[in-house]
Protein backbone atom coordinates (compact mmCIF):
# COMPACT_ATOMS: atom_id res chain seq x y z
CA MET A 1 22.16 110.60 129.27
CA SER A 2 24.21 112.66 131.66
CA VAL A 3 27.75 113.42 132.68
CA ILE A 4 29.72 110.38 133.79
CA THR A 5 32.42 112.43 135.54
CA PRO A 6 33.24 116.11 135.43
CA GLY A 7 36.38 115.63 133.32
CA ARG A 8 36.47 115.92 129.54
CA ASN A 9 36.77 112.79 127.40
CA LEU A 10 40.25 111.54 126.64
CA VAL A 11 40.02 110.46 123.00
CA LEU A 12 42.65 108.31 121.30
CA ILE A 13 43.02 108.56 117.53
CA GLY A 14 45.45 106.99 115.06
CA LEU A 15 45.92 104.13 112.65
CA MET A 16 45.19 100.50 113.42
CA GLY A 17 47.95 98.97 115.48
CA ALA A 18 48.91 102.26 117.15
CA GLY A 19 47.66 100.98 120.52
CA LYS A 20 44.40 102.89 120.97
CA SER A 21 42.43 100.03 122.51
CA THR A 22 45.25 98.67 124.67
CA VAL A 23 46.35 102.07 125.96
CA GLY A 24 42.75 103.24 126.25
CA ARG A 25 41.82 100.38 128.55
CA LEU A 26 44.90 101.05 130.67
CA LEU A 27 44.09 104.77 130.93
CA ALA A 28 40.47 104.02 131.82
CA GLU A 29 41.59 101.66 134.56
CA ARG A 30 44.05 104.17 136.00
CA LEU A 31 41.51 106.99 135.93
CA GLY A 32 38.51 104.90 137.02
CA ARG A 33 36.66 105.91 133.85
CA PRO A 34 34.66 103.83 131.42
CA PHE A 35 36.47 102.77 128.25
CA VAL A 36 34.50 103.15 125.02
CA ASP A 37 35.57 101.88 121.60
CA THR A 38 33.51 103.25 118.72
CA ASP A 39 34.26 100.15 116.61
CA ALA A 40 32.68 98.00 119.34
CA ILE A 41 29.64 100.30 119.43
CA VAL A 42 29.23 100.03 115.65
CA GLU A 43 29.46 96.23 115.77
CA ALA A 44 26.96 95.99 118.63
CA GLU A 45 24.47 98.35 116.99
CA ALA A 46 24.71 96.66 113.58
CA ASP A 47 24.88 93.15 115.07
CA LEU A 48 27.65 92.54 112.55
CA THR A 49 31.43 92.49 112.63
CA ILE A 50 33.27 95.33 110.93
CA PRO A 51 34.33 93.05 108.02
CA GLU A 52 30.67 92.04 107.60
CA ILE A 53 29.59 95.70 107.62
CA PHE A 54 32.18 96.52 104.94
CA ALA A 55 31.04 93.52 102.89
CA GLN A 56 27.35 94.41 103.13
CA LYS A 57 27.37 98.23 103.24
CA GLY A 58 30.82 99.21 101.99
CA GLU A 59 33.13 101.72 103.59
CA ARG A 60 30.57 104.51 103.16
CA GLY A 61 27.97 102.53 105.14
CA PHE A 62 30.50 101.79 107.86
CA ARG A 63 31.53 105.47 108.08
CA ALA A 64 27.88 106.50 108.51
CA LEU A 65 27.49 104.06 111.42
CA GLU A 66 30.81 105.23 112.86
CA ALA A 67 29.71 108.88 112.67
CA GLU A 68 26.58 108.02 114.65
CA ALA A 69 28.70 106.23 117.28
CA VAL A 70 30.99 109.26 117.50
CA ARG A 71 27.98 111.54 117.95
CA ARG A 72 26.61 109.39 120.77
CA VAL A 73 29.97 109.03 122.54
CA SER A 74 30.54 112.79 122.27
CA ALA A 75 27.28 113.47 124.12
CA LEU A 76 28.91 112.30 127.36
CA ARG A 77 31.98 113.37 129.32
CA GLY A 78 34.42 111.56 131.57
CA GLN A 79 35.25 108.63 129.30
CA VAL A 80 38.35 107.25 127.64
CA VAL A 81 37.43 106.79 124.00
CA ALA A 82 39.19 104.95 121.17
CA VAL A 83 37.95 105.72 117.68
CA GLY A 84 38.55 103.87 114.44
CA GLY A 85 41.57 104.84 112.37
CA GLY A 86 39.56 106.75 109.78
CA ALA A 87 37.05 108.37 112.12
CA VAL A 88 38.58 111.85 112.16
CA SER A 89 38.74 111.88 108.35
CA THR A 90 34.93 111.89 108.17
CA PRO A 91 33.74 115.50 108.12
CA GLY A 92 32.30 116.58 111.44
CA ASN A 93 33.65 113.73 113.58
CA ALA A 94 36.68 115.60 114.92
CA THR A 95 34.47 118.58 115.76
CA GLN A 96 32.02 116.31 117.60
CA LEU A 97 34.84 114.64 119.54
CA ARG A 98 36.48 117.96 120.49
CA MET A 99 33.18 119.30 121.90
CA THR A 100 33.54 117.09 124.98
CA GLY A 101 37.07 115.74 124.66
CA ASP A 102 40.74 116.26 124.04
CA LEU A 103 42.23 114.16 121.24
CA VAL A 104 45.57 112.38 121.48
CA LEU A 105 47.16 110.91 118.36
CA LEU A 106 48.99 107.63 118.85
CA ASP A 107 51.49 107.28 116.01
CA ALA A 108 54.04 104.68 114.92
CA GLU A 109 55.96 103.80 111.79
CA PRO A 110 53.97 101.71 109.28
CA ALA A 111 56.27 98.69 109.72
CA VAL A 112 55.59 98.71 113.46
CA LEU A 113 51.84 99.05 112.86
CA ALA A 114 51.92 96.15 110.38
CA GLU A 115 53.78 93.98 112.87
CA ARG A 116 51.21 94.75 115.58
CA VAL A 117 48.29 94.05 113.24
CA GLY A 118 49.99 90.76 112.36
CA GLN A 119 47.59 87.97 111.49
CA GLU A 120 44.48 90.09 112.13
CA THR A 121 44.46 91.59 108.62
CA ALA A 122 41.29 89.68 107.65
CA GLU A 123 39.50 91.45 110.51
CA ARG A 124 40.67 94.85 109.26
CA PRO A 125 38.97 95.73 105.98
CA MET A 126 41.28 98.63 105.13
CA VAL A 127 44.24 96.21 104.84
CA ALA A 128 42.49 92.86 104.30
CA ASP A 129 43.28 92.67 100.59
CA ALA A 130 46.73 94.25 100.78
CA GLU A 131 49.64 92.28 99.39
CA ASP A 132 51.95 94.53 101.40
CA VAL A 133 50.32 95.59 104.68
CA THR A 134 53.19 97.95 105.54
CA ALA A 135 52.81 99.78 102.23
CA ARG A 136 49.03 100.04 102.67
CA LEU A 137 49.45 101.42 106.19
CA ALA A 138 52.04 103.91 104.91
CA GLU A 139 49.53 105.09 102.30
CA LEU A 140 46.72 105.37 104.86
CA ARG A 141 49.06 107.29 107.17
CA ARG A 142 50.04 109.66 104.35
CA ARG A 143 46.39 110.28 103.42
CA ARG A 144 45.25 110.84 107.01
CA THR A 145 48.21 112.80 108.42
CA HIS A 146 46.57 116.19 107.88
CA ASP A 147 43.32 115.04 109.52
CA TYR A 148 45.19 113.52 112.48
CA ASP A 149 47.40 116.56 112.98
CA SER A 150 44.44 118.95 112.69
CA ALA A 151 42.38 116.99 115.21
CA ALA A 152 45.00 116.10 117.82
CA ALA A 153 45.87 118.29 120.78
CA HIS A 154 48.85 116.04 121.52
CA THR A 155 50.82 113.34 119.69
CA VAL A 156 52.53 110.34 121.28
CA ARG A 157 54.95 108.09 119.41
CA THR A 158 54.27 104.47 120.31
CA ASP A 159 57.14 102.75 118.46
CA ALA A 160 59.15 100.43 120.76
CA ARG A 161 57.26 101.55 123.86
CA THR A 162 55.15 99.66 126.34
CA PRO A 163 51.47 100.54 126.81
CA GLU A 164 52.34 101.58 130.37
CA ASP A 165 54.97 104.08 129.16
CA ILE A 166 52.53 105.49 126.63
CA ALA A 167 49.80 105.82 129.28
CA ASP A 168 52.26 107.55 131.62
CA GLU A 169 53.12 110.12 128.94
CA ILE A 170 49.46 110.77 128.19
CA LEU A 171 48.59 111.17 131.86
CA ASP A 172 51.52 113.54 132.37
CA TRP A 173 50.22 115.65 129.47
CA ALA A 174 46.61 115.39 130.70
CA ARG A 175 47.53 116.73 134.13
CA HIS A 176 48.42 120.03 132.49
CA ARG A 177 45.37 120.18 130.21
CA GLN A 178 42.77 122.29 131.99
CA GLY A 179 39.41 120.54 132.39
CA LEU A 180 40.51 117.19 130.99
CA LEU A 181 40.83 115.51 134.38
CA SER A 182 38.61 116.01 137.40
CA TRP A 183 40.12 117.18 140.68
CA GLU A 184 39.86 113.63 142.03
CA GLU A 185 41.68 112.25 138.99
CA LEU A 186 44.39 114.89 139.29
CA GLU A 187 45.06 113.68 142.81
CA THR A 188 45.39 110.05 141.71
CA VAL A 189 47.73 110.63 138.72
CA THR A 190 50.24 112.98 140.36
């Protein structure tokens, strides 16, 4: 495959419910870039849903598939990419993503994340069996904070903010990040 556009990938990382997919689609639309979600790639390649993958192959099997999706996505430039919440905790994934992209951490308080996840907990294996989703998300956040902070070039708080506001902040930051946006994109986001 080849370059999609001359700009680097804009990669969104963070826990479930942080807004990666929603904000990613909005950013892709504003920039005229393709939106890629590694979870969707994994599901399409495995011909299984993520809960089915976890049930059949466990978390380790899912992480192996996710790492392959990250590798493939990182081979191209000019995309907006959303990765699964645990992707940057797998050794090598953050390095792969940074080769062709700049990573932005979307972060929110665990109670806000739990509210956003809402009734979808059965579709999210990392919290599916949790009696207290907020507590489980707090624990995941605590365990992954170092990985997120090490990987991210920028952090955006998403609590009590609209996807549009979050996208505006990311685009404002991206304008000043050399090589992230193409010249054409710089003209459209200023």
